[in-house]
PDB file of N, CA and C in Angstrom:
ATOM      1  N   MET A   1       0.956  -1.320  -0.115  1.00  0.00           N
ATOM      2  CA  MET A   1       0.374   0.277  -0.065  1.00  0.00           C
ATOM      3  C   MET A   1       1.314   1.272   0.459  1.00  0.00           C
ATOM      4  N   LEU A   2       1.907   1.004   0.852  1.00  0.00           N
ATOM      5  CA  LEU A   2       2.798   2.342   0.554  1.00  0.00           C
ATOM      6  C   LEU A   2       2.987   2.808  -0.646  1.00  0.00           C
ATOM      7  N   CYS A   3       3.709   1.467  -1.198  1.00  0.00           N
ATOM      8  CA  CYS A   3       4.369   1.534  -2.728  1.00  0.00           C
ATOM      9  C   CYS A   3       3.531   1.990  -3.458  1.00  0.00           C
ATOM     10  N   PHE A   4       2.447   2.011  -3.410  1.00  0.00           N
ATOM     11  CA  PHE A   4       0.893   2.460  -4.693  1.00  0.00           C
ATOM     12  C   PHE A   4       1.133   4.105  -3.751  1.00  0.00           C
ATOM     13  N   ILE A   5       1.230   4.301  -2.746  1.00  0.00           N
ATOM     14  CA  ILE A   5       1.085   5.910  -2.386  1.00  0.00           C
ATOM     15  C   ILE A   5       2.055   6.752  -2.793  1.00  0.00           C
ATOM     16  N   LYS A   6       3.283   5.905  -2.917  1.00  0.00           N
ATOM     17  CA  LYS A   6       4.755   6.630  -3.144  1.00  0.00           C
ATOM     18  C   LYS A   6       4.410   6.511  -4.957  1.00  0.00           C
ATOM     19  N   ILE A   7       4.090   6.158  -5.584  1.00  0.00           N
ATOM     20  CA  ILE A   7       3.904   6.128  -7.406  1.00  0.00           C
ATOM     21  C   ILE A   7       2.485   7.210  -7.113  1.00  0.00           C
ATOM     22  N   ALA A   8       1.895   7.170  -6.633  1.00  0.00           N
ATOM     23  CA  ALA A   8       0.736   8.398  -7.387  1.00  0.00           C
ATOM     24  C   ALA A   8       0.780   9.296  -7.024  1.00  0.00           C
ATOM     25  N   LEU A   9       1.666   9.585  -5.379  1.00  0.00           N
ATOM     26  CA  LEU A   9       2.024  11.263  -5.598  1.00  0.00           C
ATOM     27  C   LEU A   9       3.247  11.450  -6.666  1.00  0.00           C
ATOM     28  N   VAL A  10       4.341  10.739  -6.991  1.00  0.00           N
ATOM     29  CA  VAL A  10       4.862  10.934  -8.169  1.00  0.00           C
ATOM     30  C   VAL A  10       4.296  11.173  -9.347  1.00  0.00           C
ATOM     31  N   PHE A  11       2.947  10.501  -9.824  1.00  0.00           N
ATOM     32  CA  PHE A  11       2.497  10.746 -10.814  1.00  0.00           C
ATOM     33  C   PHE A  11       1.575  12.010 -10.767  1.00  0.00           C
ATOM     34  N   SER A  12       1.131  12.358  -9.817  1.00  0.00           N
ATOM     35  CA  SER A  12       0.506  13.912  -8.993  1.00  0.00           C
ATOM     36  C   SER A  12       1.415  14.828  -9.270  1.00  0.00           C
ATOM     37  N   THR A  13       2.825  14.626  -8.845  1.00  0.00           N
ATOM     38  CA  THR A  13       3.328  15.850  -9.128  1.00  0.00           C
ATOM     39  C   THR A  13       3.740  16.064 -10.250  1.00  0.00           C
ATOM     40  N   ILE A  14       4.019  15.059 -11.282  1.00  0.00           N
ATOM     41  CA  ILE A  14       4.689  15.343 -12.613  1.00  0.00           C
ATOM     42  C   ILE A  14       3.804  15.993 -13.453  1.00  0.00           C
ATOM     43  N   PHE A  15       1.857  15.343 -13.230  1.00  0.00           N
ATOM     44  CA  PHE A  15       1.181  16.009 -13.581  1.00  0.00           C
ATOM     45  C   PHE A  15       0.923  17.790 -13.131  1.00  0.00           C
ATOM     46  N   VAL A  16       1.269  18.364 -12.290  1.00  0.00           N
ATOM     47  CA  VAL A  16       0.820  18.980 -11.207  1.00  0.00           C
ATOM     48  C   VAL A  16       2.039  20.148 -12.675  1.00  0.00           C
ATOM     49  N   VAL A  17       3.217  19.496 -12.357  1.00  0.00           N
ATOM     50  CA  VAL A  17       4.805  20.229 -13.322  1.00  0.00           C
ATOM     51  C   VAL A  17       3.977  20.492 -15.177  1.00  0.00           C
ATOM     52  N   VAL A  18       3.679  19.387 -15.299  1.00  0.00           N
ATOM     53  CA  VAL A  18       3.227  19.486 -16.926  1.00  0.00           C
ATOM     54  C   VAL A  18       2.032  20.683 -17.248  1.00  0.00           C
ATOM     55  N   VAL A  19       0.947  20.697 -16.222  1.00  0.00           N
ATOM     56  CA  VAL A  19      -0.112  21.936 -16.076  1.00  0.00           C
ATOM     57  C   VAL A  19       0.169  22.922 -16.037  1.00  0.00           C
ATOM     58  N   GLN A  20       1.511  23.267 -15.130  1.00  0.00           N
ATOM     59  CA  GLN A  20       2.017  24.084 -14.923  1.00  0.00           C
ATOM     60  C   GLN A  20       2.857  25.182 -15.998  1.00  0.00           C
ATOM     61  N   SER A  21       3.244  24.289 -16.522  1.00  0.00           N
ATOM     62  CA  SER A  21       4.161  24.754 -17.747  1.00  0.00           C
ATOM     63  C   SER A  21       3.899  25.326 -19.051  1.00  0.00           C
ATOM     64  N   GLN A  22       2.412  24.721 -19.198  1.00  0.00           N
ATOM     65  CA  GLN A  22       1.884  25.589 -20.697  1.00  0.00           C
ATOM     66  C   GLN A  22       1.349  27.088 -19.901  1.00  0.00           C
ATOM     67  N   ILE A  23       1.256  27.791 -21.514  1.00  0.00           N
ATOM     68  CA  ILE A  23       1.818  29.060 -21.040  1.00  0.00           C
ATOM     69  C   ILE A  23       0.832  29.522 -22.022  1.00  0.00           C
ATOM     70  N   VAL A  24      -0.031  31.090 -21.690  1.00  0.00           N
ATOM     71  CA  VAL A  24      -1.302  31.572 -22.107  1.00  0.00           C
ATOM     72  C   VAL A  24      -0.688  32.506 -22.951  1.00  0.00           C
ATOM     73  N   CYS A  25      -1.264  32.867 -24.552  1.00  0.00           N
ATOM     74  CA  CYS A  25      -0.600  33.894 -25.233  1.00  0.00           C
ATOM     75  C   CYS A  25      -1.899  34.148 -25.630  1.00  0.00           C
ATOM     76  N   TRP A  26      -1.420  35.945 -26.030  1.00  0.00           N
ATOM     77  CA  TRP A  26      -2.759  36.040 -26.870  1.00  0.00           C
ATOM     78  C   TRP A  26      -2.391  35.345 -28.728  1.00  0.00           C
ATOM     79  N   SER A  27      -3.691  35.277 -29.186  1.00  0.00           N
ATOM     80  CA  SER A  27      -4.058  34.761 -30.472  1.00  0.00           C
ATOM     81  C   SER A  27      -4.910  35.375 -31.273  1.00  0.00           C
ATOM     82  N   GLY A  28      -4.549  35.792 -32.479  1.00  0.00           N
ATOM     83  CA  GLY A  28      -5.557  36.569 -33.251  1.00  0.00           C
ATOM     84  C   GLY A  28      -4.586  37.402 -34.563  1.00  0.00           C
ATOM     85  N   GLN A  29      -5.384  38.023 -35.430  1.00  0.00           N
ATOM     86  CA  GLN A  29      -4.705  38.785 -36.341  1.00  0.00           C
ATOM     87  C   GLN A  29      -5.365  39.951 -36.679  1.00  0.00           C
ATOM     88  N   GLU A  30      -4.562  41.213 -36.722  1.00  0.00           N
ATOM     89  CA  GLU A  30      -5.234  42.909 -37.450  1.00  0.00           C
ATOM     90  C   GLU A  30      -4.770  42.853 -38.422  1.00  0.00           C
ATOM     91  N   THR A  31      -4.853  43.867 -39.077  1.00  0.00           N
ATOM     92  CA  THR A  31      -4.745  44.491 -40.357  1.00  0.00           C
ATOM     93  C   THR A  31      -5.143  45.490 -40.048  1.00  0.00           C
ATOM     94  N   VAL A  32      -4.022  46.832 -40.342  1.00  0.00           N
ATOM     95  CA  VAL A  32      -4.096  48.009 -40.102  1.00  0.00           C
ATOM     96  C   VAL A  32      -3.948  49.394 -41.946  1.00  0.00           C
ATOM     97  N   SER A  33      -4.550  49.531 -42.095  1.00  0.00           N
ATOM     98  CA  SER A  33      -4.215  50.226 -43.463  1.00  0.00           C
ATOM     99  C   SER A  33      -4.896  51.903 -43.207  1.00  0.00           C
ATOM    100  N   ASN A  34      -3.395  52.834 -43.177  1.00  0.00           N
ATOM    101  CA  ASN A  34      -3.881  54.118 -42.866  1.00  0.00           C
ATOM    102  C   ASN A  34      -3.737  54.534 -41.617  1.00  0.00           C
ATOM    103  N   GLY A  35      -3.205  53.903 -40.631  1.00  0.00           N
ATOM    104  CA  GLY A  35      -3.387  54.107 -39.438  1.00  0.00           C
ATOM    105  C   GLY A  35      -4.669  53.725 -38.782  1.00  0.00           C
ATOM    106  N   ARG A  36      -5.659  52.625 -39.607  1.00  0.00           N
ATOM    107  CA  ARG A  36      -6.713  52.336 -39.145  1.00  0.00           C
ATOM    108  C   ARG A  36      -7.009  51.196 -39.289  1.00  0.00           C
ATOM    109  N   ARG A  37      -7.500  50.252 -38.368  1.00  0.00           N
ATOM    110  CA  ARG A  37      -7.904  48.867 -38.681  1.00  0.00           C
ATOM    111  C   ARG A  37      -9.208  48.370 -39.582  1.00  0.00           C
ATOM    112  N   LEU A  38      -9.062  47.614 -40.358  1.00  0.00           N
ATOM    113  CA  LEU A  38      -9.756  47.307 -41.413  1.00  0.00           C
ATOM    114  C   LEU A  38     -11.026  47.106 -40.723  1.00  0.00           C
ATOM    115  N   ASP A  39     -12.209  47.122 -41.266  1.00  0.00           N
ATOM    116  CA  ASP A  39     -13.798  47.254 -40.629  1.00  0.00           C
ATOM    117  C   ASP A  39     -13.826  46.178 -40.032  1.00  0.00           C
ATOM    118  N   SER A  40     -13.588  45.015 -40.802  1.00  0.00           N
ATOM    119  CA  SER A  40     -14.119  43.544 -40.287  1.00  0.00           C
ATOM    120  C   SER A  40     -13.062  43.173 -38.533  1.00  0.00           C
ATOM    121  N   GLN A  41     -12.389  43.684 -38.885  1.00  0.00           N
ATOM    122  CA  GLN A  41     -11.484  43.485 -37.347  1.00  0.00           C
ATOM    123  C   GLN A  41     -11.803  44.967 -36.382  1.00  0.00           C
ATOM    124  N   ILE A  42     -12.634  45.378 -35.940  1.00  0.00           N
ATOM    125  CA  ILE A  42     -12.821  46.582 -35.350  1.00  0.00           C
ATOM    126  C   ILE A  42     -13.438  45.819 -34.237  1.00  0.00           C
ATOM    127  N   GLY A  43     -12.774  46.316 -32.766  1.00  0.00           N
ATOM    128  CA  GLY A  43     -12.952  45.410 -31.421  1.00  0.00           C
ATOM    129  C   GLY A  43     -11.776  44.722 -31.141  1.00  0.00           C
ATOM    130  N   ALA A  44     -11.804  43.599 -30.555  1.00  0.00           N
ATOM    131  CA  ALA A  44     -10.860  43.594 -29.606  1.00  0.00           C
ATOM    132  C   ALA A  44     -10.157  41.911 -30.411  1.00  0.00           C
ATOM    133  N   PRO A  45      -9.394  42.193 -31.516  1.00  0.00           N
ATOM    134  CA  PRO A  45      -8.712  41.124 -32.341  1.00  0.00           C
ATOM    135  C   PRO A  45      -8.409  39.885 -31.813  1.00  0.00           C
ATOM    136  N   TYR A  46      -7.854  39.780 -30.399  1.00  0.00           N
ATOM    137  CA  TYR A  46      -7.292  39.017 -30.017  1.00  0.00           C
ATOM    138  C   TYR A  46      -7.871  38.649 -28.745  1.00  0.00           C
ATOM    139  N   THR A  47      -7.703  37.253 -28.275  1.00  0.00           N
ATOM    140  CA  THR A  47      -8.065  36.409 -27.312  1.00  0.00           C
ATOM    141  C   THR A  47      -7.054  35.548 -26.705  1.00  0.00           C
ATOM    142  N   SER A  48      -6.937  35.193 -25.886  1.00  0.00           N
ATOM    143  CA  SER A  48      -5.971  34.473 -24.650  1.00  0.00           C
ATOM    144  C   SER A  48      -6.547  33.502 -25.332  1.00  0.00           C
ATOM    145  N   VAL A  49      -5.562  32.137 -25.400  1.00  0.00           N
ATOM    146  CA  VAL A  49      -5.585  30.718 -25.422  1.00  0.00           C
ATOM    147  C   VAL A  49      -4.132  29.988 -24.661  1.00  0.00           C
ATOM    148  N   GLN A  50      -5.194  28.730 -24.190  1.00  0.00           N
ATOM    149  CA  GLN A  50      -3.953  28.165 -23.659  1.00  0.00           C
ATOM    150  C   GLN A  50      -3.280  27.340 -24.330  1.00  0.00           C
ATOM    151  N   CYS A  51      -1.554  27.299 -24.333  1.00  0.00           N
ATOM    152  CA  CYS A  51      -0.952  26.957 -25.748  1.00  0.00           C
ATOM    153  C   CYS A  51      -0.599  25.989 -24.989  1.00  0.00           C
ATOM    154  N   ASN A  52      -1.233  24.167 -25.568  1.00  0.00           N
ATOM    155  CA  ASN A  52      -0.942  23.060 -24.788  1.00  0.00           C
ATOM    156  C   ASN A  52       0.614  22.122 -25.422  1.00  0.00           C
ATOM    157  N   ASN A  53       0.676  22.714 -26.644  1.00  0.00           N
ATOM    158  CA  ASN A  53       1.759  22.141 -27.536  1.00  0.00           C
ATOM    159  C   ASN A  53       3.089  23.625 -27.843  1.00  0.00           C
ATOM    160  N   ALA A  54       3.400  24.378 -26.661  1.00  0.00           N
ATOM    161  CA  ALA A  54       3.883  25.406 -27.211  1.00  0.00           C
ATOM    162  C   ALA A  54       5.105  25.669 -25.893  1.00  0.00           C
ATOM    163  N   ASP A  55       6.103  26.427 -26.098  1.00  0.00           N
ATOM    164  CA  ASP A  55       6.934  26.798 -24.817  1.00  0.00           C
ATOM    165  C   ASP A  55       6.707  28.325 -24.951  1.00  0.00           C
ATOM    166  N   PHE A  56       6.605  28.663 -26.315  1.00  0.00           N
ATOM    167  CA  PHE A  56       6.639  30.313 -26.370  1.00  0.00           C
ATOM    168  C   PHE A  56       5.551  30.858 -26.763  1.00  0.00           C
ATOM    169  N   CYS A  57       5.490  32.142 -26.668  1.00  0.00           N
ATOM    170  CA  CYS A  57       4.580  33.090 -27.278  1.00  0.00           C
ATOM    171  C   CYS A  57       4.965  33.740 -28.674  1.00  0.00           C
ATOM    172  N   TYR A  58       4.189  34.346 -29.951  1.00  0.00           N
ATOM    173  CA  TYR A  58       4.512  33.893 -31.239  1.00  0.00           C
ATOM    174  C   TYR A  58       3.840  35.440 -31.022  1.00  0.00           C
ATOM    175  N   ASN A  59       4.742  36.262 -31.836  1.00  0.00           N
ATOM    176  CA  ASN A  59       4.171  37.666 -32.718  1.00  0.00           C
ATOM    177  C   ASN A  59       4.979  37.844 -34.123  1.00  0.00           C
ATOM    178  N   ASN A  60       4.365  38.423 -34.994  1.00  0.00           N
ATOM    179  CA  ASN A  60       4.420  38.552 -36.554  1.00  0.00           C
ATOM    180  C   ASN A  60       4.125  40.030 -36.711  1.00  0.00           C
ATOM    181  N   TYR A  61       4.927  40.578 -37.731  1.00  0.00           N
ATOM    182  CA  TYR A  61       4.323  41.899 -38.072  1.00  0.00           C
ATOM    183  C   TYR A  61       5.096  41.455 -39.458  1.00  0.00           C
ATOM    184  N   VAL A  62       4.054  42.087 -40.509  1.00  0.00           N
ATOM    185  CA  VAL A  62       4.549  42.393 -41.675  1.00  0.00           C
ATOM    186  C   VAL A  62       4.006  43.484 -42.781  1.00  0.00           C
ATOM    187  N   LYS A  63       4.377  44.562 -43.059  1.00  0.00           N
ATOM    188  CA  LYS A  63       4.301  45.914 -43.377  1.00  0.00           C
ATOM    189  C   LYS A  63       4.473  45.723 -44.821  1.00  0.00           C
ATOM    190  N   ARG A  64       3.548  46.128 -45.815  1.00  0.00           N
ATOM    191  CA  ARG A  64       3.642  46.000 -46.940  1.00  0.00           C
ATOM    192  C   ARG A  64       3.669  47.538 -47.700  1.00  0.00           C
ATOM    193  N   HIS A  65       4.707  47.642 -48.933  1.00  0.00           N
ATOM    194  CA  HIS A  65       5.203  48.966 -49.629  1.00  0.00           C
ATOM    195  C   HIS A  65       4.602  48.632 -51.410  1.00  0.00           C
ATOM    196  N   LYS A  66       3.519  48.254 -51.502  1.00  0.00           N
ATOM    197  CA  LYS A  66       3.651  47.971 -52.690  1.00  0.00           C
ATOM    198  C   LYS A  66       2.017  48.750 -53.409  1.00  0.00           C
ATOM    199  N   ASN A  67       2.324  49.509 -54.224  1.00  0.00           N
ATOM    200  CA  ASN A  67       1.679  50.552 -55.255  1.00  0.00           C
ATOM    201  C   ASN A  67       0.410  51.036 -54.039  1.00  0.00           C
ATOM    202  N   GLY A  68       1.161  51.894 -53.520  1.00  0.00           N
ATOM    203  CA  GLY A  68       0.015  52.715 -52.292  1.00  0.00           C
ATOM    204  C   GLY A  68      -0.296  52.246 -51.185  1.00  0.00           C
ATOM    205  N   ASP A  69      -0.043  50.938 -50.955  1.00  0.00           N
ATOM    206  CA  ASP A  69      -0.549  50.386 -50.151  1.00  0.00           C
ATOM    207  C   ASP A  69      -0.043  50.170 -48.901  1.00  0.00           C
ATOM    208  N   ASP A  70       0.085  51.127 -47.760  1.00  0.00           N
ATOM    209  CA  ASP A  70       0.846  51.365 -46.440  1.00  0.00           C
ATOM    210  C   ASP A  70       0.308  50.308 -45.537  1.00  0.00           C
ATOM    211  N   SER A  71       0.046  49.237 -45.474  1.00  0.00           N
ATOM    212  CA  SER A  71      -1.122  48.487 -44.534  1.00  0.00           C
ATOM    213  C   SER A  71      -0.119  47.498 -43.325  1.00  0.00           C
ATOM    214  N   TYR A  72      -0.347  47.026 -42.716  1.00  0.00           N
ATOM    215  CA  TYR A  72       0.411  45.963 -41.975  1.00  0.00           C
ATOM    216  C   TYR A  72      -0.411  45.182 -41.469  1.00  0.00           C
ATOM    217  N   THR A  73      -0.069  43.952 -41.340  1.00  0.00           N
ATOM    218  CA  THR A  73      -1.153  42.903 -40.057  1.00  0.00           C
ATOM    219  C   THR A  73       0.265  42.657 -39.405  1.00  0.00           C
ATOM    220  N   ILE A  74      -0.608  41.973 -38.351  1.00  0.00           N
ATOM    221  CA  ILE A  74      -0.133  41.903 -36.860  1.00  0.00           C
ATOM    222  C   ILE A  74      -0.073  40.512 -36.567  1.00  0.00           C
ATOM    223  N   THR A  75      -0.051  39.539 -36.554  1.00  0.00           N
ATOM    224  CA  THR A  75      -0.343  38.274 -35.761  1.00  0.00           C
ATOM    225  C   THR A  75       0.659  37.714 -35.228  1.00  0.00           C
ATOM    226  N   LYS A  76      -0.296  37.162 -33.929  1.00  0.00           N
ATOM    227  CA  LYS A  76      -0.197  36.717 -32.455  1.00  0.00           C
ATOM    228  C   LYS A  76      -0.928  35.223 -32.171  1.00  0.00           C
ATOM    229  N   SER A  77       0.219  34.291 -31.949  1.00  0.00           N
ATOM    230  CA  SER A  77      -0.264  32.740 -31.702  1.00  0.00           C
ATOM    231  C   SER A  77       0.598  32.601 -30.741  1.00  0.00           C
ATOM    232  N   CYS A  78       0.402  31.228 -30.157  1.00  0.00           N
ATOM    233  CA  CYS A  78       1.099  30.189 -29.259  1.00  0.00           C
ATOM    234  C   CYS A  78       2.451  29.955 -30.553  1.00  0.00           C
ATOM    235  N   GLY A  79       3.453  29.861 -30.000  1.00  0.00           N
ATOM    236  CA  GLY A  79       4.864  29.351 -30.457  1.00  0.00           C
ATOM    237  C   GLY A  79       5.162  28.141 -31.251  1.00  0.00           C
ATOM    238  N   GLU A  80       4.226  27.629 -31.503  1.00  0.00           N
ATOM    239  CA  GLU A  80       4.419  26.079 -31.614  1.00  0.00           C
ATOM    240  C   GLU A  80       6.063  25.995 -32.742  1.00  0.00           C
ATOM    241  N   THR A  81       6.389  24.668 -32.329  1.00  0.00           N
ATOM    242  CA  THR A  81       7.669  24.060 -33.446  1.00  0.00           C
ATOM    243  C   THR A  81       7.576  24.612 -34.499  1.00  0.00           C
ATOM    244  N   GLY A  82       8.519  24.996 -35.269  1.00  0.00           N
ATOM    245  CA  GLY A  82       8.848  25.619 -35.876  1.00  0.00           C
ATOM    246  C   GLY A  82       8.776  27.153 -36.438  1.00  0.00           C
ATOM    247  N   LYS A  83       8.144  27.622 -34.949  1.00  0.00           N
ATOM    248  CA  LYS A  83       7.948  29.442 -35.263  1.00  0.00           C
ATOM    249  C   LYS A  83       9.086  29.880 -34.713  1.00  0.00           C
ATOM    250  N   CYS A  84       9.089  29.179 -33.217  1.00  0.00           N
ATOM    251  CA  CYS A  84       9.988  29.776 -32.335  1.00  0.00           C
ATOM    252  C   CYS A  84      11.027  28.669 -31.492  1.00  0.00           C
ATOM    253  N   PHE A  85      11.988  29.417 -31.768  1.00  0.00           N
ATOM    254  CA  PHE A  85      13.146  28.257 -31.224  1.00  0.00           C
ATOM    255  C   PHE A  85      13.362  29.067 -29.969  1.00  0.00           C
ATOM    256  N   GLU A  86      14.044  30.490 -30.054  1.00  0.00           N
ATOM    257  CA  GLU A  86      14.439  31.241 -28.732  1.00  0.00           C
ATOM    258  C   GLU A  86      14.101  32.415 -28.349  1.00  0.00           C
ATOM    259  N   THR A  87      13.771  33.447 -27.439  1.00  0.00           N
ATOM    260  CA  THR A  87      13.257  34.449 -26.716  1.00  0.00           C
ATOM    261  C   THR A  87      13.737  35.493 -27.990  1.00  0.00           C
ATOM    262  N   GLY A  88      13.458  36.726 -28.406  1.00  0.00           N
ATOM    263  CA  GLY A  88      13.775  37.500 -28.810  1.00  0.00           C
ATOM    264  C   GLY A  88      13.271  37.349 -30.293  1.00  0.00           C
ATOM    265  N   CYS A  89      13.892  38.689 -30.839  1.00  0.00           N
ATOM    266  CA  CYS A  89      13.118  38.960 -32.799  1.00  0.00           C
ATOM    267  C   CYS A  89      13.868  38.864 -33.508  1.00  0.00           C
ATOM    268  N   ARG A  90      13.694  38.448 -34.688  1.00  0.00           N
ATOM    269  CA  ARG A  90      14.687  38.416 -35.766  1.00  0.00           C
ATOM    270  C   ARG A  90      13.533  38.946 -36.986  1.00  0.00           C
ATOM    271  N   GLY A  91      14.290  39.535 -38.469  1.00  0.00           N
ATOM    272  CA  GLY A  91      13.916  39.849 -39.071  1.00  0.00           C
ATOM    273  C   GLY A  91      14.241  41.228 -39.432  1.00  0.00           C
ATOM    274  N   SER A  92      13.394  41.993 -40.542  1.00  0.00           N
ATOM    275  CA  SER A  92      13.725  43.487 -40.756  1.00  0.00           C
ATOM    276  C   SER A  92      12.497  43.853 -40.292  1.00  0.00           C
ATOM    277  N   HIS A  93      12.705  45.222 -40.181  1.00  0.00           N
ATOM    278  CA  HIS A  93      11.388  46.224 -39.933  1.00  0.00           C
ATOM    279  C   HIS A  93      10.720  46.210 -40.724  1.00  0.00           C
ATOM    280  N   THR A  94      10.570  45.570 -41.886  1.00  0.00           N
ATOM    281  CA  THR A  94       9.208  44.980 -42.506  1.00  0.00           C
ATOM    282  C   THR A  94       8.654  43.354 -42.568  1.00  0.00           C
ATOM    283  N   ASP A  95       9.300  43.127 -42.013  1.00  0.00           N
ATOM    284  CA  ASP A  95       8.767  41.932 -42.013  1.00  0.00           C
ATOM    285  C   ASP A  95      10.018  40.754 -40.561  1.00  0.00           C
ATOM    286  N   ARG A  96       8.712  40.884 -39.017  1.00  0.00           N
ATOM    287  CA  ARG A  96       9.536  40.834 -37.892  1.00  0.00           C
ATOM    288  C   ARG A  96       8.879  39.750 -37.115  1.00  0.00           C
ATOM    289  N   VAL A  97       9.692  38.660 -36.895  1.00  0.00           N
ATOM    290  CA  VAL A  97       9.155  37.328 -35.915  1.00  0.00           C
ATOM    291  C   VAL A  97       9.396  38.283 -34.802  1.00  0.00           C
ATOM    292  N   CYS A  98       8.707  37.635 -33.015  1.00  0.00           N
ATOM    293  CA  CYS A  98       9.091  37.729 -32.079  1.00  0.00           C
ATOM    294  C   CYS A  98       8.267  36.540 -31.476  1.00  0.00           C
ATOM    295  N   CYS A  99       9.351  36.134 -30.386  1.00  0.00           N
ATOM    296  CA  CYS A  99       9.270  34.820 -29.765  1.00  0.00           C
ATOM    297  C   CYS A  99       9.400  35.314 -27.925  1.00  0.00           C
ATOM    298  N   CYS A 100       8.411  34.900 -27.120  1.00  0.00           N
ATOM    299  CA  CYS A 100       8.894  35.373 -25.903  1.00  0.00           C
ATOM    300  C   CYS A 100       8.153  34.021 -24.858  1.00  0.00           C
ATOM    301  N   ILE A 101       9.022  34.014 -23.505  1.00  0.00           N
ATOM    302  CA  ILE A 101       8.162  33.136 -22.669  1.00  0.00           C
ATOM    303  C   ILE A 101       7.722  33.819 -21.642  1.00  0.00           C
ATOM    304  N   GLY A 102       6.663  33.109 -21.096  1.00  0.00           N
ATOM    305  CA  GLY A 102       5.538  34.038 -20.212  1.00  0.00           C
ATOM    306  C   GLY A 102       4.292  34.082 -20.669  1.00  0.00           C
ATOM    307  N   ASN A 103       2.963  34.206 -19.721  1.00  0.00           N
ATOM    308  CA  ASN A 103       1.870  34.415 -19.689  1.00  0.00           C
ATOM    309  C   ASN A 103       1.467  35.521 -20.515  1.00  0.00           C
ATOM    310  N   LEU A 104       1.124  35.593 -21.215  1.00  0.00           N
ATOM    311  CA  LEU A 104       0.531  36.831 -22.545  1.00  0.00           C
ATOM    312  C   LEU A 104       1.739  37.625 -22.971  1.00  0.00           C
ATOM    313  N   CYS A 105       2.858  37.200 -23.254  1.00  0.00           N
ATOM    314  CA  CYS A 105       4.265  38.024 -22.648  1.00  0.00           C
ATOM    315  C   CYS A 105       4.051  38.250 -24.410  1.00  0.00           C
ATOM    316  N   ASN A 106       3.291  38.094 -25.431  1.00  0.00           N
ATOM    317  CA  ASN A 106       3.438  38.545 -26.785  1.00  0.00           C
ATOM    318  C   ASN A 106       2.285  39.778 -26.955  1.00  0.00           C
ATOM    319  N   SER A 107       2.267  40.131 -25.592  1.00  0.00           N
ATOM    320  CA  SER A 107       0.630  41.491 -25.948  1.00  0.00           C
ATOM    321  C   SER A 107       1.510  42.738 -26.525  1.00  0.00           C
ATOM    322  N   SER A 108       2.689  42.841 -26.602  1.00  0.00           N
ATOM    323  CA  SER A 108       3.322  43.886 -27.238  1.00  0.00           C
ATOM    324  C   SER A 108       3.346  44.029 -28.650  1.00  0.00           C
ATOM    325  N   ASN A 109       2.987  45.380 -29.442  1.00  0.00           N
ATOM    326  CA  ASN A 109       3.363  45.475 -30.611  1.00  0.00           C
ATOM    327  C   ASN A 109       4.248  46.290 -31.178  1.00  0.00           C
ATOM    328  N   ASP A 110       5.477  46.381 -30.382  1.00  0.00           N
ATOM    329  CA  ASP A 110       6.629  47.242 -30.774  1.00  0.00           C
ATOM    330  C   ASP A 110       7.710  45.908 -31.078  1.00  0.00           C
ATOM    331  N   TYR A 111       8.289  46.323 -32.337  1.00  0.00           N
ATOM    332  CA  TYR A 111       8.880  45.854 -33.384  1.00  0.00           C
ATOM    333  C   TYR A 111       9.890  46.106 -33.831  1.00  0.00           C
ATOM    334  N   ASN A 112      10.574  47.345 -33.493  1.00  0.00           N
ATOM    335  CA  ASN A 112      11.250  48.333 -33.644  1.00  0.00           C
ATOM    336  C   ASN A 112      13.145  47.743 -32.911  1.00  0.00           C
TER     337      ASN A 112
END
């Protein structure tokens, strides 16, 4: 009986560690053109989500400069495998990817 209790305690400890390691990130997308959100995205484009398969939160900023289009799109999500490998930002000032660790750490739109 004592052995069963020890095994149950070990498994419950592992479960608690796994549950606590899940990160919460902002998720969603918005496009801004000439300083204004597109009509379909007025309101809050982001929601908080629990990321079951990620250790990072992810931000992506893409700016367009074609045919007078001065818009940009921001995408926020969980940093699943293949998106994020370490914290920090990479890319140019017109196409930038940022990854961070911590609940809701991808709230910033500062890509400079």
